[in-house]
Amino acid sequence: LKQASVNEMSLSEEVDVLNMEIQTVREEKRELEEHFKTLIHEKQKAFEGEISRTKELLKHRATEERNAIEIAIQKNYDVKIQQIRNEMSEKFSAREKDLIE
């Protein structure tokens, strides 16, 4: 009878120890889940920041390219206008010579 009581006591103690271990594991699991959620949130914020910076960079590059194209077009127009002026000037000079002669 004494042996059975000792065995019951040790079984009860083992159950208590196991219950405490289960509780500890549950707490560790909860802490890990919270930490994981924090990491996900931080990564999400970093990703959003990177996307925002990339958008700004692309806008800036697009503006620079548009400005460069506008400058190139204007230079082409200026060259064409000057060529037309030169041609017209040559024609007028030739016509004046014809009229004078």
N, C-alpha and C. Protein backbone atom coordinates (compact mmCIF):
# COMPACT_ATOMS: atom_id res chain seq x y z
N LEU A 1 0.83 -1.20 0.00
CA LEU A 1 0.00 0.00 0.00
C LEU A 1 0.86 1.25 0.00
N LYS A 2 1.95 1.15 0.79
CA LYS A 2 2.87 2.28 0.83
C LYS A 2 3.51 2.50 -0.54
N GLN A 3 3.87 1.41 -1.20
CA GLN A 3 4.48 1.48 -2.53
C GLN A 3 3.52 2.12 -3.53
N ALA A 4 2.26 1.76 -3.49
CA ALA A 4 1.25 2.32 -4.39
C ALA A 4 1.10 3.80 -4.15
N SER A 5 1.14 4.22 -2.91
CA SER A 5 1.02 5.64 -2.57
C SER A 5 2.21 6.42 -3.12
N VAL A 6 3.41 5.85 -3.00
CA VAL A 6 4.62 6.49 -3.54
C VAL A 6 4.53 6.59 -5.06
N ASN A 7 4.05 5.49 -5.68
CA ASN A 7 3.90 5.51 -7.13
C ASN A 7 2.88 6.54 -7.58
N GLU A 8 1.77 6.64 -6.84
CA GLU A 8 0.75 7.64 -7.16
C GLU A 8 1.32 9.05 -7.02
N MET A 9 2.10 9.26 -6.00
CA MET A 9 2.69 10.56 -5.75
C MET A 9 3.65 10.92 -6.88
N SER A 10 4.47 9.98 -7.26
CA SER A 10 5.41 10.28 -8.31
C SER A 10 4.70 10.47 -9.65
N LEU A 11 3.61 9.74 -9.88
CA LEU A 11 2.83 9.94 -11.11
C LEU A 11 2.18 11.32 -11.10
N SER A 12 1.67 11.69 -9.97
CA SER A 12 1.06 13.02 -9.84
C SER A 12 2.10 14.11 -10.07
N GLU A 13 3.26 13.90 -9.50
CA GLU A 13 4.33 14.87 -9.70
C GLU A 13 4.76 14.93 -11.17
N GLU A 14 4.84 13.78 -11.81
CA GLU A 14 5.20 13.73 -13.22
C GLU A 14 4.18 14.46 -14.08
N VAL A 15 2.89 14.27 -13.73
CA VAL A 15 1.83 14.97 -14.46
C VAL A 15 1.98 16.48 -14.28
N ASP A 16 2.28 16.90 -13.07
CA ASP A 16 2.48 18.33 -12.80
C ASP A 16 3.66 18.88 -13.60
N VAL A 17 4.74 18.13 -13.62
CA VAL A 17 5.93 18.54 -14.37
C VAL A 17 5.59 18.63 -15.86
N LEU A 18 4.89 17.63 -16.35
CA LEU A 18 4.50 17.63 -17.78
C LEU A 18 3.58 18.80 -18.09
N ASN A 19 2.65 19.08 -17.19
CA ASN A 19 1.75 20.23 -17.39
C ASN A 19 2.53 21.55 -17.42
N MET A 20 3.52 21.66 -16.54
CA MET A 20 4.35 22.88 -16.54
C MET A 20 5.15 22.99 -17.83
N GLU A 21 5.67 21.85 -18.30
CA GLU A 21 6.43 21.85 -19.55
C GLU A 21 5.52 22.23 -20.72
N ILE A 22 4.30 21.72 -20.71
CA ILE A 22 3.34 22.07 -21.76
C ILE A 22 3.07 23.57 -21.73
N GLN A 23 2.88 24.10 -20.54
CA GLN A 23 2.62 25.55 -20.41
C GLN A 23 3.83 26.35 -20.92
N THR A 24 5.01 25.89 -20.58
CA THR A 24 6.23 26.58 -21.03
C THR A 24 6.32 26.55 -22.56
N VAL A 25 6.04 25.41 -23.14
CA VAL A 25 6.08 25.27 -24.61
C VAL A 25 5.04 26.19 -25.24
N ARG A 26 3.85 26.27 -24.65
CA ARG A 26 2.80 27.16 -25.17
C ARG A 26 3.25 28.63 -25.12
N GLU A 27 3.88 29.01 -24.02
CA GLU A 27 4.36 30.39 -23.89
C GLU A 27 5.46 30.68 -24.91
N GLU A 28 6.37 29.73 -25.07
CA GLU A 28 7.44 29.91 -26.07
C GLU A 28 6.85 30.00 -27.47
N LYS A 29 5.84 29.18 -27.74
CA LYS A 29 5.19 29.22 -29.04
C LYS A 29 4.55 30.59 -29.28
N ARG A 30 3.85 31.10 -28.26
CA ARG A 30 3.20 32.40 -28.38
C ARG A 30 4.26 33.50 -28.62
N GLU A 31 5.36 33.45 -27.88
CA GLU A 31 6.43 34.44 -28.05
C GLU A 31 7.03 34.37 -29.45
N LEU A 32 7.24 33.14 -29.94
CA LEU A 32 7.77 32.98 -31.29
C LEU A 32 6.80 33.49 -32.35
N GLU A 33 5.51 33.25 -32.15
CA GLU A 33 4.50 33.75 -33.09
C GLU A 33 4.49 35.27 -33.11
N GLU A 34 4.58 35.87 -31.93
CA GLU A 34 4.63 37.34 -31.85
C GLU A 34 5.88 37.88 -32.54
N HIS A 35 6.99 37.24 -32.28
CA HIS A 35 8.24 37.66 -32.91
C HIS A 35 8.15 37.52 -34.43
N PHE A 36 7.57 36.41 -34.89
CA PHE A 36 7.39 36.18 -36.32
C PHE A 36 6.51 37.26 -36.94
N LYS A 37 5.42 37.60 -36.25
CA LYS A 37 4.53 38.67 -36.74
C LYS A 37 5.27 40.00 -36.82
N THR A 38 6.10 40.27 -35.84
CA THR A 38 6.89 41.51 -35.84
C THR A 38 7.84 41.52 -37.03
N LEU A 39 8.50 40.39 -37.27
CA LEU A 39 9.42 40.31 -38.41
C LEU A 39 8.69 40.51 -39.73
N ILE A 40 7.53 39.91 -39.86
CA ILE A 40 6.74 40.06 -41.08
C ILE A 40 6.37 41.53 -41.27
N HIS A 41 5.93 42.17 -40.19
CA HIS A 41 5.53 43.58 -40.27
C HIS A 41 6.73 44.45 -40.67
N GLU A 42 7.88 44.20 -40.07
CA GLU A 42 9.08 44.97 -40.40
C GLU A 42 9.49 44.77 -41.86
N LYS A 43 9.43 43.53 -42.32
CA LYS A 43 9.78 43.25 -43.72
C LYS A 43 8.79 43.92 -44.66
N GLN A 44 7.51 43.90 -44.30
CA GLN A 44 6.48 44.55 -45.12
C GLN A 44 6.76 46.05 -45.22
N LYS A 45 7.07 46.68 -44.10
CA LYS A 45 7.36 48.11 -44.09
C LYS A 45 8.60 48.42 -44.93
N ALA A 46 9.63 47.58 -44.80
CA ALA A 46 10.85 47.78 -45.58
C ALA A 46 10.56 47.63 -47.07
N PHE A 47 9.75 46.64 -47.41
CA PHE A 47 9.39 46.41 -48.81
C PHE A 47 8.59 47.59 -49.37
N GLU A 48 7.64 48.08 -48.58
CA GLU A 48 6.86 49.25 -49.02
C GLU A 48 7.75 50.46 -49.21
N GLY A 49 8.72 50.63 -48.31
CA GLY A 49 9.67 51.74 -48.44
C GLY A 49 10.50 51.62 -49.70
N GLU A 50 10.94 50.41 -49.99
CA GLU A 50 11.73 50.17 -51.20
C GLU A 50 10.90 50.44 -52.46
N ILE A 51 9.65 50.01 -52.46
CA ILE A 51 8.77 50.28 -53.60
C ILE A 51 8.59 51.78 -53.78
N SER A 52 8.39 52.49 -52.69
CA SER A 52 8.21 53.94 -52.75
C SER A 52 9.46 54.62 -53.32
N ARG A 53 10.63 54.21 -52.85
CA ARG A 53 11.88 54.79 -53.37
C ARG A 53 12.05 54.47 -54.85
N THR A 54 11.70 53.25 -55.25
CA THR A 54 11.81 52.85 -56.65
C THR A 54 10.88 53.68 -57.53
N LYS A 55 9.65 53.91 -57.05
CA LYS A 55 8.70 54.74 -57.80
C LYS A 55 9.25 56.15 -58.00
N GLU A 56 9.79 56.72 -56.93
CA GLU A 56 10.35 58.08 -57.02
C GLU A 56 11.53 58.11 -58.00
N LEU A 57 12.37 57.10 -57.93
CA LEU A 57 13.51 57.03 -58.84
C LEU A 57 13.04 56.94 -60.29
N LEU A 58 12.03 56.10 -60.54
CA LEU A 58 11.50 55.95 -61.90
C LEU A 58 10.87 57.25 -62.39
N LYS A 59 10.15 57.94 -61.52
CA LYS A 59 9.56 59.23 -61.90
C LYS A 59 10.67 60.22 -62.27
N HIS A 60 11.72 60.25 -61.45
CA HIS A 60 12.83 61.17 -61.70
C HIS A 60 13.50 60.84 -63.04
N ARG A 61 13.75 59.57 -63.29
CA ARG A 61 14.38 59.16 -64.55
C ARG A 61 13.49 59.49 -65.74
N ALA A 62 12.19 59.25 -65.59
CA ALA A 62 11.26 59.56 -66.68
C ALA A 62 11.27 61.05 -66.99
N THR A 63 11.31 61.88 -65.95
CA THR A 63 11.35 63.33 -66.15
C THR A 63 12.64 63.73 -66.86
N GLU A 64 13.76 63.15 -66.43
CA GLU A 64 15.04 63.47 -67.08
C GLU A 64 15.03 63.05 -68.55
N GLU A 65 14.51 61.87 -68.83
CA GLU A 65 14.46 61.40 -70.22
C GLU A 65 13.54 62.27 -71.07
N ARG A 66 12.39 62.65 -70.51
CA ARG A 66 11.46 63.51 -71.24
C ARG A 66 12.12 64.86 -71.54
N ASN A 67 12.81 65.41 -70.55
CA ASN A 67 13.51 66.68 -70.77
C ASN A 67 14.59 66.55 -71.84
N ALA A 68 15.33 65.45 -71.81
CA ALA A 68 16.38 65.23 -72.82
C ALA A 68 15.77 65.11 -74.21
N ILE A 69 14.65 64.42 -74.32
CA ILE A 69 13.98 64.27 -75.62
C ILE A 69 13.48 65.62 -76.11
N GLU A 70 12.89 66.42 -75.21
CA GLU A 70 12.40 67.74 -75.59
C GLU A 70 13.54 68.63 -76.07
N ILE A 71 14.68 68.56 -75.39
CA ILE A 71 15.84 69.35 -75.80
C ILE A 71 16.33 68.90 -77.18
N ALA A 72 16.40 67.58 -77.38
CA ALA A 72 16.84 67.06 -78.68
C ALA A 72 15.89 67.47 -79.79
N ILE A 73 14.58 67.41 -79.53
CA ILE A 73 13.60 67.82 -80.54
C ILE A 73 13.76 69.30 -80.85
N GLN A 74 13.92 70.10 -79.81
CA GLN A 74 14.09 71.54 -80.03
C GLN A 74 15.35 71.84 -80.84
N LYS A 75 16.43 71.13 -80.55
CA LYS A 75 17.66 71.33 -81.33
C LYS A 75 17.44 70.96 -82.79
N ASN A 76 16.72 69.84 -83.02
CA ASN A 76 16.42 69.44 -84.40
C ASN A 76 15.59 70.50 -85.11
N TYR A 77 14.59 71.05 -84.39
CA TYR A 77 13.78 72.13 -84.98
C TYR A 77 14.64 73.34 -85.30
N ASP A 78 15.51 73.70 -84.37
CA ASP A 78 16.38 74.86 -84.58
C ASP A 78 17.27 74.65 -85.80
N VAL A 79 17.82 73.44 -85.95
CA VAL A 79 18.67 73.15 -87.11
C VAL A 79 17.86 73.24 -88.40
N LYS A 80 16.67 72.66 -88.40
CA LYS A 80 15.81 72.70 -89.60
C LYS A 80 15.44 74.15 -89.95
N ILE A 81 15.08 74.92 -88.93
CA ILE A 81 14.72 76.32 -89.18
C ILE A 81 15.90 77.07 -89.76
N GLN A 82 17.08 76.85 -89.23
CA GLN A 82 18.27 77.53 -89.75
C GLN A 82 18.56 77.10 -91.19
N GLN A 83 18.37 75.81 -91.48
CA GLN A 83 18.57 75.34 -92.85
C GLN A 83 17.59 76.01 -93.80
N ILE A 84 16.34 76.12 -93.39
CA ILE A 84 15.32 76.77 -94.23
C ILE A 84 15.68 78.24 -94.42
N ARG A 85 16.10 78.90 -93.37
CA ARG A 85 16.50 80.31 -93.47
C ARG A 85 17.66 80.47 -94.44
N ASN A 86 18.64 79.56 -94.32
CA ASN A 86 19.80 79.64 -95.22
C ASN A 86 19.36 79.43 -96.68
N GLU A 87 18.48 78.45 -96.90
CA GLU A 87 18.00 78.18 -98.25
C GLU A 87 17.23 79.38 -98.80
N MET A 88 16.36 79.94 -97.95
CA MET A 88 15.58 81.11 -98.39
C MET A 88 16.50 82.29 -98.68
N SER A 89 17.50 82.47 -97.85
CA SER A 89 18.45 83.58 -98.05
C SER A 89 19.19 83.39 -99.37
N GLU A 90 19.61 82.15 -99.65
CA GLU A 90 20.30 81.87 -100.90
C GLU A 90 19.38 82.13 -102.10
N LYS A 91 18.12 81.72 -101.98
CA LYS A 91 17.16 81.94 -103.06
C LYS A 91 16.93 83.43 -103.29
N PHE A 92 16.77 84.16 -102.18
CA PHE A 92 16.56 85.61 -102.34
C PHE A 92 17.79 86.28 -102.94
N SER A 93 18.97 85.84 -102.49
CA SER A 93 20.19 86.43 -103.04
C SER A 93 20.29 86.12 -104.54
N ALA A 94 20.00 84.90 -104.91
CA ALA A 94 20.05 84.52 -106.32
C ALA A 94 19.03 85.32 -107.11
N ARG A 95 17.85 85.54 -106.55
CA ARG A 95 16.80 86.28 -107.24
C ARG A 95 17.18 87.75 -107.39
N GLU A 96 17.80 88.29 -106.31
CA GLU A 96 18.23 89.69 -106.37
C GLU A 96 19.28 89.85 -107.49
N LYS A 97 20.18 88.89 -107.57
CA LYS A 97 21.20 88.95 -108.61
C LYS A 97 20.55 88.92 -109.98
N ASP A 98 19.55 88.02 -110.12
CA ASP A 98 18.84 87.93 -111.41
C ASP A 98 18.14 89.26 -111.72
N LEU A 99 17.53 89.87 -110.73
CA LEU A 99 16.81 91.11 -110.95
C LEU A 99 17.76 92.26 -111.26
N ILE A 100 18.91 92.25 -110.62
CA ILE A 100 19.89 93.31 -110.87
C ILE A 100 20.46 93.18 -112.26
N GLU A 101 20.70 92.01 -112.71
CA GLU A 101 21.29 91.78 -114.04
C GLU A 101 20.24 91.94 -115.04
